[in-house]
Every structure is written in structure tokens, then in C-alpha cells.
Amino acid sequence: MLEMIINPKRAERRPWEMFFIGLVYASLSVLLVKWVFSADVVLSQYSGIFMILFTVIFSMPFFYYLIKLEEKKDIQYSGSMRLLKEHSKAIMALLWLFLGFIVAFSFWYCVMPDSGINFKAQIETFCYINQPSGFDDCIKEYTQNAGLGITGKSLVGGVMSPGDRFVAIFLNNVYVMIFTIIFSLIFGAGAIFILAWNASVIAAAIGIFAKNRLLDLPLGLMRYLIHGLPEITAYFVGALAGGILSIAVIKHDTQNKKFWQIVKDSINMVLVGLAILIIAALIEVFITPMFF
């Protein structure tokens, strides 16, 4: 019931409503994990993974039917620009959903006294990216006292030139996008797992940056979403491209003209995603450091 609170057609007409859906799905996932697994000595260590699992379960039906709706558009409409305009409605709905995930996860990270345990997997990912040389110390610091602020250097920071940082960031984002496309192509709506996981990792980073203070959450959101929103937009474009192609393979003969029209549209979407990743990397290297 809860997983079908809103249907894709309504979401495309009023995409901002997906922000509140994201808030509800992510918050319910956190609370369910807290109530169900917190008393278990073993399972409580994997709370960060279970939160994503429940979020994916809630979101999967919506994401699946959204992909089916977009695949139908590839058959109904012609022209790359018209199709991109139609797909942009779905992208906006997914972006609002993702933003809802981030805000909800960030909020619970700050207000839960044991966030260092509940977000342990996310903190480990954060430490691997930001403090690889002091990984163990970073884990100990943030899992025992989550909220001491960011003190380490970025994996792509330090002595690297802006050009090298741009290349490193862009290649890493391309890798994530490829992984998202493959996941979506193989599992259809399976890419929602990668996207929900990224939302939780960003939320943990925001919580650490805000030092667990709710009043500092807006600043933390700005810090990571300036370049994070373009990145996740590209990932959603890739996820839709892979999902549309996945459904087309199931529904249409590969010799069918409509199938190759869908393939062409999927390739165009991937190219648009790559262009957005270039913009996101430029923002992260040259614009974000100007403010933070």
C-alpha cells in the first residue's frame, strides 16, 4: 500500500510531491530498522544496509512503472528533442524523490543518538573517500562520536592540480553511471538501490559536516548538493536509459523498428548524462571550493 502512494503520471505532473514521498519512505525505513533490528546484537551492525533495503522496497514499484511509462513514450513520440523533453519530467520526479531521501536521512543522522552505529556502512564509505590514509581512525572517530566535523583531506584533493582533480572526479562519476546503467539494464528498476545508497552516503557526509546540529543542516545540504544534484541527475538519466532498454528487450523483437528507435533514444540519454557529469565535475572543482 505505502509503496504505491503516488503513481508515475501524477508524479510527472506534480514532481515536487515526490520530495514528501521521499521523506516518508526514508523516514519509515530508518524507524523500521531502529525498532526491528536495534535490539539484535548482530543485525544492528548492518542497520545502514537495512535502511537502504527498506527504502528500495518502498520505491521499487514506483520506479518500475515510471520506466514502463517512459518506454511507452519512446514508441509514441519521435524526435530526440521531444523525447528528451518528455523524459525530463520523469527526471524531475526522481530528483525530488532523491532530495527527499537526502533530507530525511540527514535529519535522522543528526537527531539519533546512535547515528554512528545506524549509519556505520555510510560512514565507512565516507572515510574511504575522504580519509583513506587514516581509515581506521576515521571509522573510530565517527562511529563512536558521530558529529565532530570533517577534518580529513579528500581522496582527490591535496597536491593534485585542478585539472587532475577534474579528471579523477569525472572518471569516478562515469564509473558510477556505468554501474547504474548496467544495474538498470539487468534488473530494470534495480538502479534505485545504487541511487538510494548514494543518497544515504551523502546524508551521512552532510550530518558529519553539520556536526549533528540541525541548524547547520541547510549549510551541509548546500555544501554537497551544489555539485551533487547535477551528478545524481546524470545517474537518473543513465538509470532511465538502461531501464527503458531493459523493458524494450523484453517487450519487442530486436528486429523491430521500434526497438532500434528505443536503443537510439537510450544512447542519446547516456550522452546527455555524460555531458551533465562534465558540468558537475567542473562545479565540484572550481565552484564549490569558492564557498566551502
Protein backbone atom coordinates (compact mmCIF):
# COMPACT_ATOMS: atom_id res chain seq x y z
CA MET A 1 0.00 0.00 0.00
CA LEU A 2 2.61 2.57 1.09
CA GLU A 3 4.87 1.81 -1.86
CA MET A 4 2.12 2.97 -4.26
CA ILE A 5 1.22 6.25 -2.51
CA ILE A 6 1.67 8.10 -5.82
CA ASN A 7 1.55 6.95 -9.44
CA PRO A 8 4.09 7.96 -12.12
CA LYS A 9 1.66 10.01 -14.22
CA ARG A 10 0.72 12.17 -11.26
CA ALA A 11 4.39 12.45 -10.27
CA GLU A 12 5.28 13.83 -13.70
CA ARG A 13 2.50 16.42 -13.44
CA ARG A 14 3.46 17.46 -9.89
CA PRO A 15 7.07 16.30 -9.39
CA TRP A 16 7.59 18.31 -6.19
CA GLU A 17 5.22 15.92 -4.40
CA MET A 18 7.91 13.25 -4.71
CA PHE A 19 10.01 15.18 -2.19
CA PHE A 20 7.48 14.37 0.52
CA ILE A 21 7.22 10.78 -0.69
CA GLY A 22 10.98 10.52 -0.35
CA LEU A 23 10.79 11.94 3.17
CA VAL A 24 8.15 9.37 4.14
CA TYR A 25 9.88 6.37 2.55
CA ALA A 26 13.32 7.16 4.00
CA SER A 27 11.96 8.06 7.45
CA LEU A 28 9.85 4.92 7.65
CA SER A 29 12.87 2.87 6.63
CA VAL A 30 15.04 4.39 9.38
CA LEU A 31 12.36 3.91 12.03
CA LEU A 32 11.59 0.34 10.96
CA VAL A 33 15.24 -0.60 11.17
CA LYS A 34 15.55 1.14 14.53
CA TRP A 35 12.57 -0.69 16.01
CA VAL A 36 13.16 -4.10 14.43
CA PHE A 37 16.92 -4.55 14.45
CA SER A 38 18.34 -2.26 17.15
CA ALA A 39 17.98 -4.92 19.88
CA ASP A 40 19.77 -7.59 17.82
CA VAL A 41 23.50 -7.62 18.55
CA VAL A 42 24.44 -8.91 15.09
CA LEU A 43 21.84 -7.37 12.76
CA SER A 44 22.14 -3.93 14.38
CA GLN A 45 25.66 -3.72 12.93
CA TYR A 46 24.14 -3.72 9.43
CA SER A 47 21.44 -1.09 10.07
CA GLY A 48 22.83 1.15 7.32
CA ILE A 49 22.25 -1.57 4.72
CA PHE A 50 18.80 -2.49 6.02
CA MET A 51 17.71 1.16 5.78
CA ILE A 52 18.55 1.15 2.09
CA LEU A 53 16.82 -2.20 1.62
CA PHE A 54 13.53 -0.90 3.03
CA THR A 55 13.84 2.34 1.05
CA VAL A 56 14.30 0.33 -2.15
CA ILE A 57 11.33 -1.91 -1.32
CA PHE A 58 9.12 1.16 -0.90
CA SER A 59 10.41 2.83 -4.09
CA MET A 60 10.69 -0.13 -6.45
CA PRO A 61 7.06 -0.25 -7.69
CA PHE A 62 7.01 3.47 -8.49
CA PHE A 63 10.38 3.29 -10.26
CA TYR A 64 9.35 0.24 -12.28
CA TYR A 65 6.09 1.75 -13.52
CA LEU A 66 7.83 5.05 -14.24
CA ILE A 67 10.29 3.23 -16.51
CA LYS A 68 7.40 1.47 -18.28
CA LEU A 69 5.73 4.84 -18.83
CA GLU A 70 8.93 6.28 -20.32
CA GLU A 71 9.34 3.28 -22.62
CA LYS A 72 5.85 3.89 -24.00
CA LYS A 73 6.84 7.48 -24.79
CA ASP A 74 9.69 6.21 -26.97
CA ILE A 75 7.08 4.50 -29.12
CA GLN A 76 4.50 7.31 -29.10
CA TYR A 77 6.82 10.23 -29.84
CA SER A 78 9.53 10.84 -32.41
CA GLY A 79 12.42 13.27 -32.44
CA SER A 80 15.28 13.38 -29.95
CA MET A 81 14.43 16.79 -28.52
CA ARG A 82 10.77 15.86 -27.98
CA LEU A 83 11.75 12.65 -26.22
CA LEU A 84 14.31 14.38 -24.03
CA LYS A 85 11.66 16.92 -23.05
CA GLU A 86 9.24 14.12 -22.15
CA HIS A 87 11.88 12.19 -20.18
CA SER A 88 12.85 15.35 -18.29
CA LYS A 89 9.51 15.13 -16.43
CA ALA A 90 10.49 11.75 -15.04
CA ILE A 91 13.97 13.01 -14.18
CA MET A 92 12.48 15.87 -12.16
CA ALA A 93 10.21 13.49 -10.26
CA LEU A 94 13.17 11.24 -9.41
CA LEU A 95 15.29 14.21 -8.37
CA TRP A 96 12.64 15.35 -5.91
CA LEU A 97 12.40 11.78 -4.58
CA PHE A 98 16.18 11.65 -4.16
CA LEU A 99 16.22 15.03 -2.41
CA GLY A 100 13.58 13.73 -0.03
CA PHE A 101 15.81 10.75 0.75
CA ILE A 102 18.79 13.01 1.49
CA VAL A 103 16.88 15.40 3.75
CA ALA A 104 15.25 12.57 5.70
CA PHE A 105 18.47 10.57 6.14
CA SER A 106 20.37 13.74 7.13
CA PHE A 107 17.71 14.66 9.68
CA TRP A 108 17.75 11.23 11.32
CA TYR A 109 21.54 11.18 11.29
CA CYS A 110 21.56 14.37 13.33
CA VAL A 111 18.79 13.54 15.80
CA MET A 112 19.52 9.87 16.50
CA PRO A 113 21.92 9.48 19.45
CA ASP A 114 23.39 6.29 17.97
CA SER A 115 23.72 7.50 14.38
CA GLY A 116 27.32 6.32 14.34
CA ILE A 117 26.03 2.75 14.55
CA ASN A 118 22.90 3.11 12.42
CA PHE A 119 24.89 4.75 9.60
CA LYS A 120 28.06 2.71 10.07
CA ALA A 121 28.24 1.48 6.46
CA GLN A 122 27.75 5.01 5.15
CA ILE A 123 30.43 6.38 7.49
CA GLU A 124 32.86 3.70 6.31
CA THR A 125 32.25 4.78 2.72
CA PHE A 126 32.73 8.42 3.69
CA CYS A 127 36.03 7.62 5.43
CA TYR A 128 37.29 5.57 2.47
CA ILE A 129 36.70 8.52 0.14
CA ASN A 130 37.81 11.38 2.39
CA GLN A 131 40.42 9.89 4.74
CA PRO A 132 41.90 6.79 3.07
CA SER A 133 45.24 7.12 4.84
CA GLY A 134 43.59 7.26 8.27
CA PHE A 135 40.65 4.98 7.52
CA ASP A 136 40.60 3.10 10.85
CA ASP A 137 40.91 6.28 12.92
CA CYS A 138 38.17 7.92 10.88
CA ILE A 139 35.82 4.98 11.45
CA LYS A 140 36.53 5.02 15.17
CA GLU A 141 36.01 8.77 15.41
CA TYR A 142 32.68 8.99 13.61
CA THR A 143 31.07 5.74 14.78
CA GLN A 144 31.82 6.45 18.43
CA ASN A 145 31.12 10.17 18.32
CA ALA A 146 29.39 10.99 15.06
CA GLY A 147 29.46 14.73 14.65
CA LEU A 148 32.98 16.01 15.25
CA GLY A 149 33.20 17.65 11.87
CA ILE A 150 35.19 16.91 8.74
CA THR A 151 38.93 17.00 9.35
CA GLY A 152 40.43 14.85 6.62
CA LYS A 153 41.53 15.51 3.06
CA SER A 154 39.57 14.43 0.06
CA LEU A 155 40.81 11.47 -1.88
CA VAL A 156 41.06 13.67 -4.94
CA GLY A 157 42.33 16.72 -3.09
CA GLY A 158 45.72 17.51 -1.63
CA VAL A 159 48.52 18.23 -4.10
CA MET A 160 46.51 17.39 -7.20
CA SER A 161 46.10 20.17 -9.72
CA PRO A 162 42.57 21.33 -10.63
CA GLY A 163 42.90 19.57 -13.98
CA ASP A 164 43.89 16.28 -12.34
CA ARG A 165 41.09 16.62 -9.81
CA PHE A 166 38.61 17.23 -12.62
CA VAL A 167 39.72 14.11 -14.47
CA ALA A 168 39.69 11.98 -11.29
CA ILE A 169 36.22 13.16 -10.26
CA PHE A 170 34.79 12.82 -13.77
CA LEU A 171 36.14 9.29 -14.25
CA ASN A 172 34.82 8.21 -10.85
CA ASN A 173 31.38 9.61 -11.70
CA VAL A 174 31.43 7.91 -15.10
CA TYR A 175 32.19 4.63 -13.34
CA VAL A 176 29.16 5.09 -11.06
CA MET A 177 26.98 5.99 -14.04
CA ILE A 178 28.09 2.89 -15.97
CA PHE A 179 27.36 0.75 -12.94
CA THR A 180 23.91 2.40 -12.66
CA ILE A 181 23.14 1.72 -16.34
CA ILE A 182 24.22 -1.92 -16.06
CA PHE A 183 22.19 -2.42 -12.89
CA SER A 184 19.16 -0.83 -14.52
CA LEU A 185 19.63 -2.83 -17.73
CA ILE A 186 19.89 -6.15 -15.91
CA PHE A 187 17.34 -5.59 -13.13
CA GLY A 188 15.07 -2.97 -14.71
CA ALA A 189 14.30 -0.85 -11.66
CA GLY A 190 17.33 -2.23 -9.79
CA ALA A 191 19.26 1.03 -10.16
CA ILE A 192 17.15 2.52 -7.36
CA PHE A 193 19.38 0.61 -4.94
CA ILE A 194 22.51 2.46 -6.10
CA LEU A 195 20.72 5.79 -6.04
CA ALA A 196 19.24 5.25 -2.56
CA TRP A 197 22.66 4.16 -1.30
CA ASN A 198 24.28 7.32 -2.71
CA ALA A 199 21.59 9.40 -1.03
CA SER A 200 22.38 7.82 2.34
CA VAL A 201 26.15 8.34 1.93
CA ILE A 202 25.63 12.00 1.00
CA ALA A 203 23.31 12.33 4.02
CA ALA A 204 25.99 10.90 6.33
CA ALA A 205 28.55 13.35 4.91
CA ILE A 206 26.10 16.21 5.44
CA GLY A 207 25.48 15.08 9.02
CA ILE A 208 29.22 14.93 9.72
CA PHE A 209 29.75 18.34 8.12
CA ALA A 210 26.90 19.80 10.21
CA LYS A 211 28.38 18.21 13.37
CA ASN A 212 24.98 16.70 14.20
CA ARG A 213 23.40 20.15 14.61
CA LEU A 214 20.05 20.57 12.89
CA LEU A 215 20.59 24.30 12.43
CA ASP A 216 23.68 23.55 10.33
CA LEU A 217 21.89 21.09 8.03
CA PRO A 218 20.98 23.73 5.38
CA LEU A 219 24.67 24.65 5.08
CA GLY A 220 25.59 20.98 4.79
CA LEU A 221 22.96 20.48 2.11
CA MET A 222 24.36 23.39 0.12
CA ARG A 223 27.90 22.06 0.53
CA TYR A 224 27.11 18.74 -1.12
CA LEU A 225 24.16 19.48 -3.39
CA ILE A 226 25.81 22.25 -5.39
CA HIS A 227 27.58 19.60 -7.42
CA GLY A 228 25.65 16.58 -6.11
CA LEU A 229 22.36 17.40 -7.85
CA PRO A 230 23.90 17.54 -11.35
CA GLU A 231 25.72 14.27 -10.63
CA ILE A 232 22.61 12.47 -9.48
CA THR A 233 20.68 13.91 -12.44
CA ALA A 234 23.16 12.20 -14.74
CA TYR A 235 22.77 8.95 -12.81
CA PHE A 236 18.98 9.13 -13.14
CA VAL A 237 19.32 9.76 -16.86
CA GLY A 238 21.50 6.65 -17.10
CA ALA A 239 19.12 4.63 -14.94
CA LEU A 240 16.17 5.57 -17.15
CA ALA A 241 18.14 4.77 -20.30
CA GLY A 242 19.07 1.32 -19.02
CA GLY A 243 15.60 0.64 -17.65
CA ILE A 244 13.86 1.68 -20.86
CA LEU A 245 16.16 -0.53 -22.89
CA SER A 246 15.61 -3.42 -20.47
CA ILE A 247 11.84 -3.28 -20.90
CA ALA A 248 12.21 -2.85 -24.67
CA VAL A 249 14.27 -6.06 -24.88
CA ILE A 250 11.50 -7.91 -23.04
CA LYS A 251 8.57 -6.45 -25.00
CA HIS A 252 9.93 -6.06 -28.53
CA ASP A 253 11.73 -8.18 -31.08
CA THR A 254 15.27 -6.93 -31.71
CA GLN A 255 14.47 -6.77 -35.41
CA ASN A 256 11.55 -4.45 -34.77
CA LYS A 257 11.97 -0.86 -35.95
CA LYS A 258 10.53 0.45 -32.68
CA PHE A 259 13.19 -1.42 -30.72
CA TRP A 260 16.01 0.35 -32.55
CA GLN A 261 14.25 3.66 -32.04
CA ILE A 262 14.34 2.97 -28.30
CA VAL A 263 18.03 1.99 -28.50
CA LYS A 264 18.81 5.28 -30.24
CA ASP A 265 16.92 7.22 -27.57
CA SER A 266 18.76 5.37 -24.81
CA ILE A 267 22.14 6.22 -26.37
CA ASN A 268 21.14 9.88 -26.63
CA MET A 269 20.18 9.86 -22.95
CA VAL A 270 23.55 8.38 -21.98
CA LEU A 271 25.35 11.10 -23.96
CA VAL A 272 23.27 13.75 -22.19
CA GLY A 273 24.20 12.13 -18.88
CA LEU A 274 27.91 12.29 -19.73
CA ALA A 275 27.59 15.98 -20.62
CA ILE A 276 25.93 16.65 -17.25
CA LEU A 277 28.76 14.79 -15.47
CA ILE A 278 31.29 17.10 -17.11
CA ILE A 279 29.37 20.11 -15.79
CA ALA A 280 29.10 18.54 -12.32
CA ALA A 281 32.84 17.87 -12.17
CA LEU A 282 33.61 21.46 -13.20
CA ILE A 283 31.31 22.74 -10.45
CA GLU A 284 32.90 20.49 -7.83
CA VAL A 285 36.46 21.52 -8.76
CA PHE A 286 36.06 25.22 -9.47
CA ILE A 287 32.84 26.48 -7.84
CA THR A 288 32.18 24.52 -4.63
CA PRO A 289 35.65 25.34 -3.15
CA MET A 290 34.87 29.05 -3.56
CA PHE A 291 32.19 28.78 -0.87
CA PHE A 292 33.37 25.89 1.35
